[in-house]
C-alpha atoms as a PDB file:
ATOM      1  CA  MET A   1     126.810 159.371 224.680  1.00  0.00           C
ATOM      2  CA  THR A   2     123.331 158.070 225.348  1.00  0.00           C
ATOM      3  CA  GLU A   3     121.495 159.415 228.385  1.00  0.00           C
ATOM      4  CA  ARG A   4     122.187 156.180 230.251  1.00  0.00           C
ATOM      5  CA  GLN A   5     125.885 156.402 229.409  1.00  0.00           C
ATOM      6  CA  LYS A   6     125.955 160.003 230.646  1.00  0.00           C
ATOM      7  CA  GLN A   7     124.360 158.933 233.910  1.00  0.00           C
ATOM      8  CA  LEU A   8     126.835 156.098 234.415  1.00  0.00           C
ATOM      9  CA  PHE A   9     129.805 158.184 233.372  1.00  0.00           C
ATOM     10  CA  THR A  10     128.862 160.907 235.863  1.00  0.00           C
ATOM     11  CA  LEU A  11     128.654 158.294 238.637  1.00  0.00           C
ATOM     12  CA  VAL A  12     132.081 156.918 237.713  1.00  0.00           C
ATOM     13  CA  ILE A  13     133.572 160.423 237.846  1.00  0.00           C
ATOM     14  CA  LYS A  14     131.934 161.115 241.207  1.00  0.00           C
ATOM     15  CA  GLU A  15     133.090 157.834 242.741  1.00  0.00           C
ATOM     16  CA  TYR A  16     136.627 158.183 241.432  1.00  0.00           C
ATOM     17  CA  ILE A  17     136.958 161.759 242.718  1.00  0.00           C
ATOM     18  CA  ASP A  18     135.598 160.673 246.106  1.00  0.00           C
ATOM     19  CA  THR A  19     137.610 157.477 246.561  1.00  0.00           C
ATOM     20  CA  GLY A  20     140.640 157.588 244.268  1.00  0.00           C
ATOM     21  CA  ALA A  21     140.085 153.921 243.389  1.00  0.00           C
ATOM     22  CA  PRO A  22     139.097 152.491 239.974  1.00  0.00           C
ATOM     23  CA  VAL A  23     135.324 152.126 239.824  1.00  0.00           C
ATOM     24  CA  GLY A  24     133.769 148.725 239.157  1.00  0.00           C
ATOM     25  CA  SER A  25     130.281 147.794 238.000  1.00  0.00           C
ATOM     26  CA  LYS A  26     129.381 145.885 241.179  1.00  0.00           C
ATOM     27  CA  GLU A  27     130.114 148.893 243.389  1.00  0.00           C
ATOM     28  CA  LEU A  28     127.938 151.156 241.229  1.00  0.00           C
ATOM     29  CA  VAL A  29     124.977 148.757 241.154  1.00  0.00           C
ATOM     30  CA  LYS A  30     125.160 148.184 244.920  1.00  0.00           C
ATOM     31  CA  LYS A  31     125.658 151.793 245.965  1.00  0.00           C
ATOM     32  CA  TYR A  32     123.195 153.482 243.621  1.00  0.00           C
ATOM     33  CA  ALA A  33     120.590 150.713 243.236  1.00  0.00           C
ATOM     34  CA  LEU A  34     120.740 151.049 239.472  1.00  0.00           C
ATOM     35  CA  PRO A  35     117.775 149.608 237.556  1.00  0.00           C
ATOM     36  CA  PHE A  36     119.827 147.233 235.427  1.00  0.00           C
ATOM     37  CA  SER A  37     122.188 144.319 235.873  1.00  0.00           C
ATOM     38  CA  SER A  38     125.933 144.316 236.433  1.00  0.00           C
ATOM     39  CA  ALA A  39     126.321 142.699 233.018  1.00  0.00           C
ATOM     40  CA  THR A  40     124.502 145.585 231.310  1.00  0.00           C
ATOM     41  CA  LEU A  41     126.583 148.056 233.278  1.00  0.00           C
ATOM     42  CA  ARG A  42     129.823 146.315 232.316  1.00  0.00           C
ATOM     43  CA  SER A  43     128.793 146.502 228.649  1.00  0.00           C
ATOM     44  CA  GLU A  44     128.112 150.224 228.922  1.00  0.00           C
ATOM     45  CA  LEU A  45     131.407 150.859 230.725  1.00  0.00           C
ATOM     46  CA  ALA A  46     133.210 148.895 228.019  1.00  0.00           C
ATOM     47  CA  ARG A  47     131.591 151.134 225.388  1.00  0.00           C
ATOM     48  CA  LEU A  48     132.729 154.220 227.254  1.00  0.00           C
ATOM     49  CA  CYS A  49     136.240 152.776 227.243  1.00  0.00           C
ATOM     50  CA  ASN A  50     136.051 152.182 223.492  1.00  0.00           C
ATOM     51  CA  MET A  51     134.880 155.782 223.055  1.00  0.00           C
ATOM     52  CA  GLY A  52     137.973 157.010 224.926  1.00  0.00           C
ATOM     53  CA  TYR A  53     136.229 158.437 228.008  1.00  0.00           C
ATOM     54  CA  LEU A  54     137.296 155.730 230.471  1.00  0.00           C
ATOM     55  CA  VAL A  55     140.260 153.426 230.778  1.00  0.00           C
ATOM     56  CA  GLN A  56     140.822 150.214 232.723  1.00  0.00           C
ATOM     57  CA  PRO A  57     144.293 150.460 234.334  1.00  0.00           C
ATOM     58  CA  HIS A  58     144.472 146.683 234.928  1.00  0.00           C
ATOM     59  CA  ILE A  59     142.503 143.748 233.558  1.00  0.00           C
ATOM     60  CA  SER A  60     140.902 143.011 236.924  1.00  0.00           C
ATOM     61  CA  ALA A  61     140.434 146.652 237.936  1.00  0.00           C
ATOM     62  CA  GLY A  62     137.545 149.028 237.532  1.00  0.00           C
ATOM     63  CA  ARG A  63     137.584 152.108 235.315  1.00  0.00           C
ATOM     64  CA  ILE A  64     139.012 155.603 235.706  1.00  0.00           C
ATOM     65  CA  PRO A  65     138.421 158.721 233.579  1.00  0.00           C
ATOM     66  CA  THR A  66     140.786 159.674 230.776  1.00  0.00           C
ATOM     67  CA  ASP A  67     141.809 163.278 230.007  1.00  0.00           C
ATOM     68  CA  LYS A  68     139.159 163.235 227.287  1.00  0.00           C
ATOM     69  CA  GLY A  69     136.645 161.971 229.831  1.00  0.00           C
ATOM     70  CA  TYR A  70     137.403 164.730 232.311  1.00  0.00           C
ATOM     71  CA  ARG A  71     137.076 167.381 229.597  1.00  0.00           C
ATOM     72  CA  PHE A  72     133.724 165.968 228.432  1.00  0.00           C
ATOM     73  CA  TYR A  73     132.448 165.845 232.000  1.00  0.00           C
ATOM     74  CA  ILE A  74     133.488 169.430 232.755  1.00  0.00           C
ATOM     75  CA  LYS A  75     132.053 170.806 229.518  1.00  0.00           C
ATOM     76  CA  HIS A  76     128.794 168.856 229.319  1.00  0.00           C
ATOM     77  CA  LEU A  77     127.881 167.153 232.591  1.00  0.00           C
ATOM     78  CA  MET A  78     129.372 169.006 235.545  1.00  0.00           C
ATOM     79  CA  GLU A  79     126.857 171.051 237.507  1.00  0.00           C
ATOM     80  CA  PRO A  80     127.916 174.466 238.897  1.00  0.00           C
ATOM     81  CA  ARG A  81     128.546 174.417 242.611  1.00  0.00           C
ATOM     82  CA  GLY A  82     128.640 177.074 245.282  1.00  0.00           C
ATOM     83  CA  ILE A  83     130.617 177.123 248.496  1.00  0.00           C
ATOM     84  CA  LEU A  84     129.228 177.160 252.002  1.00  0.00           C
ATOM     85  CA  PRO A  85     128.944 180.384 254.040  1.00  0.00           C
ATOM     86  CA  GLU A  86     131.473 179.067 256.561  1.00  0.00           C
ATOM     87  CA  GLU A  87     133.907 178.355 253.719  1.00  0.00           C
ATOM     88  CA  LYS A  88     133.533 181.935 252.507  1.00  0.00           C
ATOM     89  CA  ILE A  89     134.234 183.245 255.996  1.00  0.00           C
ATOM     90  CA  LEU A  90     137.368 181.067 256.248  1.00  0.00           C
ATOM     91  CA  ILE A  91     138.649 182.290 252.868  1.00  0.00           C
ATOM     92  CA  GLN A  92     138.073 185.913 253.857  1.00  0.00           C
ATOM     93  CA  LYS A  93     139.898 185.305 257.122  1.00  0.00           C
ATOM     94  CA  ASN A  94     142.831 183.644 255.349  1.00  0.00           C
ATOM     95  CA  LEU A  95     143.064 186.452 252.813  1.00  0.00           C
ATOM     96  CA  GLY A  96     143.484 188.899 255.672  1.00  0.00           C
ATOM     97  CA  ARG A  97     141.491 191.923 256.645  1.00  0.00           C
ATOM     98  CA  ARG A  98     143.707 194.459 254.910  1.00  0.00           C
ATOM     99  CA  GLU A  99     142.522 196.242 251.768  1.00  0.00           C
ATOM    100  CA  ALA A 100     145.006 194.274 249.656  1.00  0.00           C
ATOM    101  CA  SER A 101     146.116 190.794 250.697  1.00  0.00           C
ATOM    102  CA  SER A 102     149.710 189.697 250.328  1.00  0.00           C
ATOM    103  CA  GLY A 103     150.542 187.295 247.518  1.00  0.00           C
ATOM    104  CA  ARG A 104     151.426 184.594 250.011  1.00  0.00           C
ATOM    105  CA  ASN A 105     148.138 185.006 251.857  1.00  0.00           C
ATOM    106  CA  ILE A 106     146.231 184.666 248.595  1.00  0.00           C
ATOM    107  CA  ALA A 107     148.054 181.467 247.606  1.00  0.00           C
ATOM    108  CA  ARG A 108     147.607 180.051 251.114  1.00  0.00           C
ATOM    109  CA  ALA A 109     143.880 180.813 251.174  1.00  0.00           C
ATOM    110  CA  ILE A 110     143.408 178.959 247.883  1.00  0.00           C
ATOM    111  CA  SER A 111     145.481 175.977 248.998  1.00  0.00           C
ATOM    112  CA  GLU A 112     143.764 175.561 252.358  1.00  0.00           C
ATOM    113  CA  SER A 113     140.339 175.680 250.709  1.00  0.00           C
ATOM    114  CA  THR A 114     141.066 173.343 247.789  1.00  0.00           C
ATOM    115  CA  HIS A 115     143.601 171.011 249.491  1.00  0.00           C
ATOM    116  CA  ASN A 116     145.803 171.447 246.436  1.00  0.00           C
ATOM    117  CA  LEU A 117     148.640 173.802 245.565  1.00  0.00           C
ATOM    118  CA  GLY A 118     147.407 177.389 245.408  1.00  0.00           C
ATOM    119  CA  PHE A 119     149.253 180.035 243.405  1.00  0.00           C
ATOM    120  CA  TYR A 120     149.106 183.756 242.771  1.00  0.00           C
ATOM    121  CA  PHE A 121     151.004 185.616 240.064  1.00  0.00           C
ATOM    122  CA  ASP A 122     151.506 189.385 240.055  1.00  0.00           C
ATOM    123  CA  SER A 123     152.870 190.875 236.825  1.00  0.00           C
ATOM    124  CA  GLU A 124     153.700 194.166 238.558  1.00  0.00           C
ATOM    125  CA  GLU A 125     156.012 192.415 240.984  1.00  0.00           C
ATOM    126  CA  ASP A 126     156.962 189.759 238.419  1.00  0.00           C
ATOM    127  CA  ALA A 127     156.489 187.292 241.253  1.00  0.00           C
ATOM    128  CA  LEU A 128     154.871 183.909 241.717  1.00  0.00           C
ATOM    129  CA  TYR A 129     153.623 182.935 245.163  1.00  0.00           C
ATOM    130  CA  ARG A 130     152.741 179.314 245.838  1.00  0.00           C
ATOM    131  CA  GLU A 131     151.549 177.598 248.976  1.00  0.00           C
ATOM    132  CA  GLY A 132     150.358 174.133 249.898  1.00  0.00           C
ATOM    133  CA  LEU A 133     152.988 171.619 248.839  1.00  0.00           C
ATOM    134  CA  ALA A 134     152.544 169.633 252.059  1.00  0.00           C
ATOM    135  CA  GLU A 135     148.754 169.875 251.726  1.00  0.00           C
ATOM    136  CA  THR A 136     148.896 168.588 248.152  1.00  0.00           C
ATOM    137  CA  VAL A 137     151.159 165.587 248.701  1.00  0.00           C
ATOM    138  CA  ARG A 138     148.907 164.337 251.513  1.00  0.00           C
ATOM    139  CA  ASN A 139     146.443 163.565 248.729  1.00  0.00           C
ATOM    140  CA  PRO A 140     145.965 159.795 248.184  1.00  0.00           C
ATOM    141  CA  ASP A 141     147.184 160.238 244.591  1.00  0.00           C
ATOM    142  CA  PHE A 142     150.738 160.544 245.961  1.00  0.00           C
ATOM    143  CA  ARG A 143     150.954 156.943 247.079  1.00  0.00           C
ATOM    144  CA  VAL A 144     154.637 156.433 246.301  1.00  0.00           C
ATOM    145  CA  ILE A 145     157.582 158.713 246.939  1.00  0.00           C
ATOM    146  CA  ASP A 146     158.443 158.957 243.224  1.00  0.00           C
ATOM    147  CA  GLN A 147     155.151 160.786 242.632  1.00  0.00           C
ATOM    148  CA  VAL A 148     156.087 163.312 245.311  1.00  0.00           C
ATOM    149  CA  TYR A 149     159.505 163.853 243.691  1.00  0.00           C
ATOM    150  CA  GLU A 150     157.862 164.276 240.284  1.00  0.00           C
ATOM    151  CA  PHE A 151     155.489 166.907 241.635  1.00  0.00           C
ATOM    152  CA  ILE A 152     158.340 168.828 243.290  1.00  0.00           C
ATOM    153  CA  GLU A 153     160.279 168.701 240.008  1.00  0.00           C
ATOM    154  CA  LEU A 154     157.200 170.053 238.234  1.00  0.00           C
ATOM    155  CA  LEU A 155     157.078 172.995 240.649  1.00  0.00           C
ATOM    156  CA  ASP A 156     160.768 173.730 240.038  1.00  0.00           C
ATOM    157  CA  LEU A 157     160.095 173.821 236.292  1.00  0.00           C
ATOM    158  CA  VAL A 158     157.151 176.158 236.785  1.00  0.00           C
ATOM    159  CA  GLU A 159     159.320 178.621 238.667  1.00  0.00           C
ATOM    160  CA  ARG A 160     162.194 178.436 236.174  1.00  0.00           C
ATOM    161  CA  GLN A 161     159.873 178.954 233.199  1.00  0.00           C
ATOM    162  CA  LEU A 162     157.600 181.404 234.958  1.00  0.00           C
ATOM    163  CA  MET A 163     157.287 184.149 232.342  1.00  0.00           C
ATOM    164  CA  SER A 164     156.887 181.910 229.288  1.00  0.00           C
ATOM    165  CA  ILE A 165     154.173 179.898 231.044  1.00  0.00           C
ATOM    166  CA  PHE A 166     152.148 182.761 232.428  1.00  0.00           C
ATOM    167  CA  ASP A 167     152.504 184.940 229.329  1.00  0.00           C
ATOM    168  CA  ALA A 168     150.523 182.216 227.584  1.00  0.00           C
ATOM    169  CA  LEU A 169     147.907 181.925 230.320  1.00  0.00           C
ATOM    170  CA  TRP A 170     147.024 185.164 232.031  1.00  0.00           C
ATOM    171  CA  ARG A 171     145.115 186.846 229.205  1.00  0.00           C
ATOM    172  CA  GLU A 172     142.152 184.598 229.924  1.00  0.00           C
ATOM    173  CA  SER A 173     139.944 186.254 232.533  1.00  0.00           C
ATOM    174  CA  ALA A 174     137.315 183.496 232.586  1.00  0.00           C
ATOM    175  CA  PRO A 175     138.162 180.440 234.733  1.00  0.00           C
ATOM    176  CA  THR A 176     140.109 177.964 232.613  1.00  0.00           C
ATOM    177  CA  ILE A 177     141.001 174.303 233.141  1.00  0.00           C
ATOM    178  CA  LEU A 178     143.989 172.522 231.623  1.00  0.00           C
ATOM    179  CA  ILE A 179     143.971 168.761 232.124  1.00  0.00           C
ATOM    180  CA  GLY A 180     146.845 166.308 231.847  1.00  0.00           C
ATOM    181  CA  ARG A 181     148.502 166.347 228.449  1.00  0.00           C
ATOM    182  CA  ASN A 182     146.427 169.404 227.531  1.00  0.00           C
ATOM    183  CA  ASN A 183     148.616 171.371 229.950  1.00  0.00           C
ATOM    184  CA  LEU A 184     151.356 173.786 228.928  1.00  0.00           C
ATOM    185  CA  LEU A 185     153.612 172.549 231.711  1.00  0.00           C
ATOM    186  CA  PRO A 186     156.350 169.926 231.390  1.00  0.00           C
ATOM    187  CA  LEU A 187     155.806 166.728 233.404  1.00  0.00           C
ATOM    188  CA  SER A 188     152.145 167.625 233.866  1.00  0.00           C
ATOM    189  CA  LYS A 189     150.373 164.635 232.302  1.00  0.00           C
ATOM    190  CA  ASP A 190     149.051 163.522 235.708  1.00  0.00           C
ATOM    191  CA  TYR A 191     147.988 166.971 236.892  1.00  0.00           C
ATOM    192  CA  SER A 192     145.468 169.710 236.205  1.00  0.00           C
ATOM    193  CA  ILE A 193     145.621 173.493 236.457  1.00  0.00           C
ATOM    194  CA  LEU A 194     142.632 175.709 237.149  1.00  0.00           C
ATOM    195  CA  TYR A 195     143.303 179.413 236.801  1.00  0.00           C
ATOM    196  CA  SER A 196     141.636 182.772 236.428  1.00  0.00           C
ATOM    197  CA  GLY A 197     143.176 186.118 235.533  1.00  0.00           C
ATOM    198  CA  TYR A 198     142.073 189.647 236.302  1.00  0.00           C
ATOM    199  CA  ASP A 199     143.263 193.196 235.786  1.00  0.00           C
ATOM    200  CA  SER A 200     143.795 195.603 238.648  1.00  0.00           C
ATOM    201  CA  HIS A 201     144.876 199.199 237.978  1.00  0.00           C
ATOM    202  CA  GLY A 202     146.467 198.197 234.665  1.00  0.00           C
ATOM    203  CA  HIS A 203     148.376 195.186 236.000  1.00  0.00           C
ATOM    204  CA  ASP A 204     147.716 191.521 235.314  1.00  0.00           C
ATOM    205  CA  HIS A 205     147.151 189.074 238.143  1.00  0.00           C
ATOM    206  CA  MET A 206     146.390 185.372 238.165  1.00  0.00           C
ATOM    207  CA  ILE A 207     145.154 182.950 240.776  1.00  0.00           C
ATOM    208  CA  GLY A 208     145.021 179.211 240.361  1.00  0.00           C
ATOM    209  CA  VAL A 209     145.131 175.654 241.609  1.00  0.00           C
ATOM    210  CA  LEU A 210     147.587 172.930 240.646  1.00  0.00           C
ATOM    211  CA  GLY A 211     146.961 169.353 241.695  1.00  0.00           C
ATOM    212  CA  PRO A 212     146.206 165.785 240.614  1.00  0.00           C
ATOM    213  CA  LYS A 213     143.658 165.301 237.828  1.00  0.00           C
ATOM    214  CA  ARG A 214     141.422 163.599 240.382  1.00  0.00           C
ATOM    215  CA  MET A 215     140.192 166.799 241.982  1.00  0.00           C
ATOM    216  CA  ASP A 216     136.778 168.285 242.696  1.00  0.00           C
ATOM    217  CA  TYR A 217     136.625 170.610 239.698  1.00  0.00           C
ATOM    218  CA  ALA A 218     133.219 172.125 240.459  1.00  0.00           C
ATOM    219  CA  ARG A 219     134.157 173.046 244.014  1.00  0.00           C
ATOM    220  CA  ASN A 220     137.617 174.336 243.092  1.00  0.00           C
ATOM    221  CA  LEU A 221     136.180 176.530 240.343  1.00  0.00           C
ATOM    222  CA  ALA A 222     133.678 177.971 242.819  1.00  0.00           C
ATOM    223  CA  ILE A 223     136.507 178.725 245.258  1.00  0.00           C
ATOM    224  CA  LEU A 224     138.605 180.449 242.587  1.00  0.00           C
ATOM    225  CA  ASP A 225     135.622 182.508 241.498  1.00  0.00           C
ATOM    226  CA  PHE A 226     134.952 183.626 245.067  1.00  0.00           C
ATOM    227  CA  VAL A 227     138.621 184.488 245.729  1.00  0.00           C
ATOM    228  CA  ARG A 228     138.862 186.417 242.458  1.00  0.00           C
ATOM    229  CA  ASN A 229     135.769 188.458 243.254  1.00  0.00           C
ATOM    230  CA  GLU A 230     137.065 189.178 246.762  1.00  0.00           C
ATOM    231  CA  LEU A 231     140.381 190.421 245.390  1.00  0.00           C
ATOM    232  CA  ILE A 232     138.759 192.597 242.724  1.00  0.00           C
ATOM    233  CA  CYS A 233     136.435 194.168 245.324  1.00  0.00           C
ATOM    234  CA  ARG A 234     139.341 194.860 247.682  1.00  0.00           C
ATOM    235  CA  ARG A 235     141.302 196.599 244.942  1.00  0.00           C
ATOM    236  CA  GLU A 236     138.447 198.749 243.664  1.00  0.00           C
ATOM    237  CA  PRO A 237     139.084 202.444 244.413  1.00  0.00           C
ATOM    238  CA  THR A 238     136.754 203.897 247.011  1.00  0.00           C
ATOM    239  CA  ASP A 239     135.333 207.424 247.179  1.00  0.00           C
END
């Protein structure tokens, strides 16, 4: 990508994450007072489509990111983001004040902060805790009931194939993102998983987020990182 294409592509990603609607050239020029014409912008967006980073769902519609586009954005263009002090306080409150939070509290804290499905896996208990189905399907991406049914079916598959899925995932301690068809989950082409594993007293644990591809990746990664650090600190032995 040229520098101008990177700038435009970043704006398309931002607008699509914020609004959920395909992004058109007129909206970008008007909102961001870009120093070139709509015609030039349309040409650049068309090039980004030809390169596989954007797609136009309908002839008269704007553009939305492809899986390849999301991965390029996350790897090359996305800026790290922190979370606000009040958000940290809320997460700590939701985790509970005990030395070790329950699995359900952990999943709920993630879900309420990300507005997606939060999950926690404990290899010692061989248990998956998930919270936030209602929170997730309120997302504008679930515009028709069939999408809700598909997401529920996806969750059922996750639980039935729990060990085979998480055996493949939890060895990665660094935050990891799986997008759309890059996922290991059946029926997951429209969804993304963010997850991070950690070891506590010889046992593997994993926290993560499951939701539509149109999510705020920078913010959700920051939330996972904060939750992970909180959990590790709470489980550290004290003198």
